PDB file of all heavy atoms in Angstrom:
ATOM      1  N   ILE A   1       7.335   1.286 -15.002  1.00  0.00           N
ATOM      2  CA  ILE A   1       6.072   1.506 -14.289  1.00  0.00           C
ATOM      3  C   ILE A   1       4.928   0.899 -15.097  1.00  0.00           C
ATOM      4  O   ILE A   1       4.727   1.246 -16.255  1.00  0.00           O
ATOM      5  CB  ILE A   1       5.836   3.016 -14.070  1.00  0.00           C
ATOM      6  CG1 ILE A   1       6.974   3.617 -13.247  1.00  0.00           C
ATOM      7  CG2 ILE A   1       4.484   3.245 -13.385  1.00  0.00           C
ATOM      8  CD1 ILE A   1       7.016   5.129 -13.275  1.00  0.00           C
ATOM      9  N   ARG A   2       4.187  -0.020 -14.460  1.00  0.00           N
ATOM     10  CA  ARG A   2       3.064  -0.692 -15.127  1.00  0.00           C
ATOM     11  C   ARG A   2       1.731  -0.446 -14.423  1.00  0.00           C
ATOM     12  O   ARG A   2       0.678  -0.767 -14.947  1.00  0.00           O
ATOM     13  CB  ARG A   2       3.315  -2.205 -15.176  1.00  0.00           C
ATOM     14  CG  ARG A   2       4.606  -2.636 -15.843  1.00  0.00           C
ATOM     15  CD  ARG A   2       4.549  -2.777 -17.344  1.00  0.00           C
ATOM     16  NE  ARG A   2       3.401  -3.472 -17.866  1.00  0.00           N
ATOM     17  CZ  ARG A   2       3.278  -4.801 -17.971  1.00  0.00           C
ATOM     18  NH1 ARG A   2       4.219  -5.603 -17.560  1.00  0.00           N
ATOM     19  NH2 ARG A   2       2.187  -5.313 -18.491  1.00  0.00           N
ATOM     20  N   ARG A   3       1.795   0.091 -13.180  1.00  0.00           N
ATOM     21  CA  ARG A   3       0.564   0.351 -12.411  1.00  0.00           C
ATOM     22  C   ARG A   3       0.840   1.492 -11.438  1.00  0.00           C
ATOM     23  O   ARG A   3       1.933   1.609 -10.898  1.00  0.00           O
ATOM     24  CB  ARG A   3       0.143  -0.901 -11.648  1.00  0.00           C
ATOM     25  CG  ARG A   3      -1.082  -0.727 -10.774  1.00  0.00           C
ATOM     26  CD  ARG A   3      -1.601  -2.056 -10.227  1.00  0.00           C
ATOM     27  NE  ARG A   3      -0.576  -2.853  -9.598  1.00  0.00           N
ATOM     28  CZ  ARG A   3      -0.619  -3.285  -8.337  1.00  0.00           C
ATOM     29  NH1 ARG A   3      -1.644  -3.004  -7.563  1.00  0.00           N
ATOM     30  NH2 ARG A   3       0.342  -4.033  -7.845  1.00  0.00           N
ATOM     31  N   ILE A   4      -0.177   2.333 -11.238  1.00  0.00           N
ATOM     32  CA  ILE A   4      -0.083   3.444 -10.298  1.00  0.00           C
ATOM     33  C   ILE A   4      -1.361   3.468  -9.461  1.00  0.00           C
ATOM     34  O   ILE A   4      -2.456   3.327 -10.003  1.00  0.00           O
ATOM     35  CB  ILE A   4       0.058   4.793 -11.045  1.00  0.00           C
ATOM     36  CG1 ILE A   4       1.320   4.795 -11.914  1.00  0.00           C
ATOM     37  CG2 ILE A   4       0.075   5.956 -10.055  1.00  0.00           C
ATOM     38  CD1 ILE A   4       1.408   5.981 -12.851  1.00  0.00           C
ATOM     39  N   TYR A   5      -1.206   3.613  -8.149  1.00  0.00           N
ATOM     40  CA  TYR A   5      -2.366   3.801  -7.276  1.00  0.00           C
ATOM     41  C   TYR A   5      -1.922   4.628  -6.080  1.00  0.00           C
ATOM     42  O   TYR A   5      -0.732   4.888  -5.903  1.00  0.00           O
ATOM     43  CB  TYR A   5      -2.980   2.468  -6.843  1.00  0.00           C
ATOM     44  CG  TYR A   5      -2.083   1.567  -6.038  1.00  0.00           C
ATOM     45  CD1 TYR A   5      -2.129   1.565  -4.648  1.00  0.00           C
ATOM     46  CD2 TYR A   5      -1.207   0.677  -6.664  1.00  0.00           C
ATOM     47  CE1 TYR A   5      -1.323   0.720  -3.908  1.00  0.00           C
ATOM     48  CE2 TYR A   5      -0.396  -0.167  -5.936  1.00  0.00           C
ATOM     49  CZ  TYR A   5      -0.458  -0.136  -4.555  1.00  0.00           C
ATOM     50  OH  TYR A   5       0.343  -0.968  -3.817  1.00  0.00           O
ATOM     51  N   TYR A   6      -2.872   5.073  -5.267  1.00  0.00           N
ATOM     52  CA  TYR A   6      -2.505   5.840  -4.092  1.00  0.00           C
ATOM     53  C   TYR A   6      -3.408   5.518  -2.923  1.00  0.00           C
ATOM     54  O   TYR A   6      -4.541   5.088  -3.082  1.00  0.00           O
ATOM     55  CB  TYR A   6      -2.457   7.345  -4.375  1.00  0.00           C
ATOM     56  CG  TYR A   6      -3.695   7.947  -4.985  1.00  0.00           C
ATOM     57  CD1 TYR A   6      -4.643   8.587  -4.194  1.00  0.00           C
ATOM     58  CD2 TYR A   6      -3.896   7.912  -6.358  1.00  0.00           C
ATOM     59  CE1 TYR A   6      -5.769   9.165  -4.760  1.00  0.00           C
ATOM     60  CE2 TYR A   6      -5.018   8.486  -6.932  1.00  0.00           C
ATOM     61  CZ  TYR A   6      -5.951   9.109  -6.132  1.00  0.00           C
ATOM     62  OH  TYR A   6      -7.070   9.671  -6.687  1.00  0.00           O
ATOM     63  N   LEU A   7      -2.840   5.699  -1.737  1.00  0.00           N
ATOM     64  CA  LEU A   7      -3.529   5.458  -0.475  1.00  0.00           C
ATOM     65  C   LEU A   7      -3.765   6.809   0.186  1.00  0.00           C
ATOM     66  O   LEU A   7      -2.869   7.661   0.197  1.00  0.00           O
ATOM     67  CB  LEU A   7      -2.657   4.603   0.454  1.00  0.00           C
ATOM     68  CG  LEU A   7      -2.073   3.310  -0.121  1.00  0.00           C
ATOM     69  CD1 LEU A   7      -1.056   2.722   0.836  1.00  0.00           C
ATOM     70  CD2 LEU A   7      -3.179   2.326  -0.409  1.00  0.00           C
ATOM     71  N   TYR A   8      -4.945   6.999   0.762  1.00  0.00           N
ATOM     72  CA  TYR A   8      -5.255   8.268   1.421  1.00  0.00           C
ATOM     73  C   TYR A   8      -6.366   8.054   2.438  1.00  0.00           C
ATOM     74  O   TYR A   8      -6.975   6.982   2.479  1.00  0.00           O
ATOM     75  CB  TYR A   8      -5.643   9.339   0.399  1.00  0.00           C
ATOM     76  CG  TYR A   8      -6.863   8.993  -0.419  1.00  0.00           C
ATOM     77  CD1 TYR A   8      -8.111   9.498  -0.084  1.00  0.00           C
ATOM     78  CD2 TYR A   8      -6.776   8.143  -1.521  1.00  0.00           C
ATOM     79  CE1 TYR A   8      -9.235   9.171  -0.825  1.00  0.00           C
ATOM     80  CE2 TYR A   8      -7.887   7.819  -2.258  1.00  0.00           C
ATOM     81  CZ  TYR A   8      -9.118   8.334  -1.910  1.00  0.00           C
ATOM     82  OH  TYR A   8     -10.227   7.996  -2.646  1.00  0.00           O
ATOM     83  N   ASP A   9      -6.608   9.056   3.265  1.00  0.00           N
ATOM     84  CA  ASP A   9      -7.617   8.997   4.324  1.00  0.00           C
ATOM     85  C   ASP A   9      -7.415   7.793   5.247  1.00  0.00           C
ATOM     86  O   ASP A   9      -8.381   7.163   5.686  1.00  0.00           O
ATOM     87  CB  ASP A   9      -9.044   8.974   3.744  1.00  0.00           C
ATOM     88  CG  ASP A   9      -9.462  10.293   3.130  1.00  0.00           C
ATOM     89  OD1 ASP A   9      -8.810  11.322   3.423  1.00  0.00           O
ATOM     90  OD2 ASP A   9     -10.445  10.304   2.361  1.00  0.00           O
ATOM     91  N   ILE A  10      -6.168   7.480   5.549  1.00  0.00           N
ATOM     92  CA  ILE A  10      -5.878   6.382   6.476  1.00  0.00           C
ATOM     93  C   ILE A  10      -6.144   6.894   7.893  1.00  0.00           C
ATOM     94  O   ILE A  10      -5.571   7.901   8.304  1.00  0.00           O
ATOM     95  CB  ILE A  10      -4.426   5.880   6.330  1.00  0.00           C
ATOM     96  CG1 ILE A  10      -4.239   5.207   4.962  1.00  0.00           C
ATOM     97  CG2 ILE A  10      -4.095   4.856   7.400  1.00  0.00           C
ATOM     98  CD1 ILE A  10      -3.538   5.990   3.971  1.00  0.00           C
ATOM     99  N   PRO A  11      -7.032   6.235   8.641  1.00  0.00           N
ATOM    100  CA  PRO A  11      -7.350   6.704  10.001  1.00  0.00           C
ATOM    101  C   PRO A  11      -6.123   6.684  10.913  1.00  0.00           C
ATOM    102  O   PRO A  11      -5.217   5.850  10.752  1.00  0.00           O
ATOM    103  CB  PRO A  11      -8.392   5.688  10.489  1.00  0.00           C
ATOM    104  CG  PRO A  11      -8.966   5.092   9.246  1.00  0.00           C
ATOM    105  CD  PRO A  11      -7.836   5.079   8.250  1.00  0.00           C
ATOM    106  N   ALA A  12      -6.098   7.598  11.869  1.00  0.00           N
ATOM    107  CA  ALA A  12      -4.997   7.688  12.832  1.00  0.00           C
ATOM    108  C   ALA A  12      -4.781   6.338  13.502  1.00  0.00           C
ATOM    109  O   ALA A  12      -5.729   5.658  13.878  1.00  0.00           O
ATOM    110  CB  ALA A  12      -5.294   8.760  13.875  1.00  0.00           C
ATOM    111  N   GLY A  13      -3.521   5.945  13.621  1.00  0.00           N
ATOM    112  CA  GLY A  13      -3.164   4.704  14.302  1.00  0.00           C
ATOM    113  C   GLY A  13      -3.247   3.460  13.434  1.00  0.00           C
ATOM    114  O   GLY A  13      -2.844   2.382  13.870  1.00  0.00           O
ATOM    115  N   GLU A  14      -3.765   3.567  12.220  1.00  0.00           N
ATOM    116  CA  GLU A  14      -3.877   2.397  11.339  1.00  0.00           C
ATOM    117  C   GLU A  14      -2.594   2.216  10.535  1.00  0.00           C
ATOM    118  O   GLU A  14      -1.818   3.152  10.345  1.00  0.00           O
ATOM    119  CB  GLU A  14      -5.056   2.554  10.380  1.00  0.00           C
ATOM    120  CG  GLU A  14      -6.407   2.468  11.062  1.00  0.00           C
ATOM    121  CD  GLU A  14      -6.657   1.121  11.723  1.00  0.00           C
ATOM    122  OE1 GLU A  14      -6.313   0.083  11.126  1.00  0.00           O
ATOM    123  OE2 GLU A  14      -7.182   1.122  12.848  1.00  0.00           O
ATOM    124  N   SER A  15      -2.387   0.996  10.040  1.00  0.00           N
ATOM    125  CA  SER A  15      -1.236   0.709   9.181  1.00  0.00           C
ATOM    126  C   SER A  15      -1.734   0.097   7.879  1.00  0.00           C
ATOM    127  O   SER A  15      -2.878  -0.350   7.792  1.00  0.00           O
ATOM    128  CB  SER A  15      -0.258  -0.239   9.882  1.00  0.00           C
ATOM    129  OG  SER A  15      -0.876  -1.487  10.112  1.00  0.00           O
ATOM    130  N   ARG A  16      -0.870   0.111   6.888  1.00  0.00           N
ATOM    131  CA  ARG A  16      -1.167  -0.482   5.582  1.00  0.00           C
ATOM    132  C   ARG A  16       0.003  -1.392   5.230  1.00  0.00           C
ATOM    133  O   ARG A  16       1.004  -1.440   5.924  1.00  0.00           O
ATOM    134  CB  ARG A  16      -1.313   0.613   4.512  1.00  0.00           C
ATOM    135  CG  ARG A  16      -2.486   1.549   4.698  1.00  0.00           C
ATOM    136  CD  ARG A  16      -3.811   0.842   4.549  1.00  0.00           C
ATOM    137  NE  ARG A  16      -3.878   0.080   3.324  1.00  0.00           N
ATOM    138  CZ  ARG A  16      -4.772   0.230   2.362  1.00  0.00           C
ATOM    139  NH1 ARG A  16      -5.708   1.142   2.487  1.00  0.00           N
ATOM    140  NH2 ARG A  16      -4.771  -0.530   1.296  1.00  0.00           N
ATOM    141  N   GLY A  17      -0.133  -2.079   4.115  1.00  0.00           N
ATOM    142  CA  GLY A  17       0.930  -2.996   3.709  1.00  0.00           C
ATOM    143  C   GLY A  17       0.758  -4.300   4.450  1.00  0.00           C
ATOM    144  O   GLY A  17      -0.281  -4.938   4.367  1.00  0.00           O
ATOM    145  N   GLY A  18       1.784  -4.690   5.196  1.00  0.00           N
ATOM    146  CA  GLY A  18       1.728  -5.966   5.899  1.00  0.00           C
ATOM    147  C   GLY A  18       1.749  -7.116   4.919  1.00  0.00           C
ATOM    148  O   GLY A  18       0.967  -8.056   5.039  1.00  0.00           O
ATOM    149  N   HIS A  19       2.661  -7.032   3.929  1.00  0.00           N
ATOM    150  CA  HIS A  19       2.798  -8.087   2.931  1.00  0.00           C
ATOM    151  C   HIS A  19       4.159  -7.964   2.245  1.00  0.00           C
ATOM    152  O   HIS A  19       4.890  -7.009   2.470  1.00  0.00           O
ATOM    153  CB  HIS A  19       1.668  -8.017   1.893  1.00  0.00           C
ATOM    154  CG  HIS A  19       1.650  -6.760   1.093  1.00  0.00           C
ATOM    155  ND1 HIS A  19       0.869  -5.685   1.443  1.00  0.00           N
ATOM    156  CD2 HIS A  19       2.311  -6.403  -0.026  1.00  0.00           C
ATOM    157  CE1 HIS A  19       1.046  -4.715   0.566  1.00  0.00           C
ATOM    158  NE2 HIS A  19       1.933  -5.116  -0.337  1.00  0.00           N
ATOM    159  N   ALA A  20       4.455  -8.955   1.421  1.00  0.00           N
ATOM    160  CA  ALA A  20       5.640  -8.939   0.554  1.00  0.00           C
ATOM    161  C   ALA A  20       5.167  -9.265  -0.855  1.00  0.00           C
ATOM    162  O   ALA A  20       4.026  -9.713  -1.043  1.00  0.00           O
ATOM    163  CB  ALA A  20       6.659  -9.979   1.023  1.00  0.00           C
ATOM    164  N   HIS A  21       6.032  -9.041  -1.819  1.00  0.00           N
ATOM    165  CA  HIS A  21       5.723  -9.392  -3.209  1.00  0.00           C
ATOM    166  C   HIS A  21       6.737 -10.399  -3.713  1.00  0.00           C
ATOM    167  O   HIS A  21       7.906 -10.366  -3.341  1.00  0.00           O
ATOM    168  CB  HIS A  21       5.758  -8.146  -4.104  1.00  0.00           C
ATOM    169  CG  HIS A  21       4.602  -7.238  -3.882  1.00  0.00           C
ATOM    170  ND1 HIS A  21       3.342  -7.520  -4.341  1.00  0.00           N
ATOM    171  CD2 HIS A  21       4.512  -6.058  -3.217  1.00  0.00           C
ATOM    172  CE1 HIS A  21       2.523  -6.549  -3.991  1.00  0.00           C
ATOM    173  NE2 HIS A  21       3.205  -5.654  -3.290  1.00  0.00           N
ATOM    174  N   ARG A  22       6.266 -11.289  -4.564  1.00  0.00           N
ATOM    175  CA  ARG A  22       7.125 -12.336  -5.127  1.00  0.00           C
ATOM    176  C   ARG A  22       8.084 -11.782  -6.180  1.00  0.00           C
ATOM    177  O   ARG A  22       9.260 -12.134  -6.180  1.00  0.00           O
ATOM    178  CB  ARG A  22       6.270 -13.452  -5.710  1.00  0.00           C
ATOM    179  CG  ARG A  22       5.409 -14.135  -4.654  1.00  0.00           C
ATOM    180  CD  ARG A  22       4.440 -15.137  -5.272  1.00  0.00           C
ATOM    181  NE  ARG A  22       3.498 -15.615  -4.287  1.00  0.00           N
ATOM    182  CZ  ARG A  22       3.740 -16.564  -3.386  1.00  0.00           C
ATOM    183  NH1 ARG A  22       4.924 -17.136  -3.360  1.00  0.00           N
ATOM    184  NH2 ARG A  22       2.825 -16.923  -2.525  1.00  0.00           N
ATOM    185  N   GLU A  23       7.595 -10.950  -7.099  1.00  0.00           N
ATOM    186  CA  GLU A  23       8.433 -10.426  -8.184  1.00  0.00           C
ATOM    187  C   GLU A  23       8.287  -8.918  -8.387  1.00  0.00           C
ATOM    188  O   GLU A  23       9.088  -8.318  -9.090  1.00  0.00           O
ATOM    189  CB  GLU A  23       8.091 -11.136  -9.501  1.00  0.00           C
ATOM    190  CG  GLU A  23       8.380 -12.619  -9.484  1.00  0.00           C
ATOM    191  CD  GLU A  23       8.006 -13.300 -10.797  1.00  0.00           C
ATOM    192  OE1 GLU A  23       7.967 -12.630 -11.842  1.00  0.00           O
ATOM    193  OE2 GLU A  23       7.750 -14.516 -10.764  1.00  0.00           O
ATOM    194  N   LEU A  24       7.287  -8.325  -7.814  1.00  0.00           N
ATOM    195  CA  LEU A  24       6.948  -6.933  -8.063  1.00  0.00           C
ATOM    196  C   LEU A  24       7.887  -5.956  -7.348  1.00  0.00           C
ATOM    197  O   LEU A  24       8.209  -6.146  -6.185  1.00  0.00           O
ATOM    198  CB  LEU A  24       5.515  -6.682  -7.581  1.00  0.00           C
ATOM    199  CG  LEU A  24       4.991  -5.268  -7.740  1.00  0.00           C
ATOM    200  CD1 LEU A  24       3.869  -5.251  -8.764  1.00  0.00           C
ATOM    201  CD2 LEU A  24       4.465  -4.751  -6.421  1.00  0.00           C
TER     202      LEU A  24
END
C-alpha cells in the first residue's frame, strides 16, 4: 500500500471510476 483515499457523498445515480490503470 502506497496511497489511501476515499470517495463519499456521491449523488444518487452518479458513477465513479470509468478508467483503467497501466501498472497500479
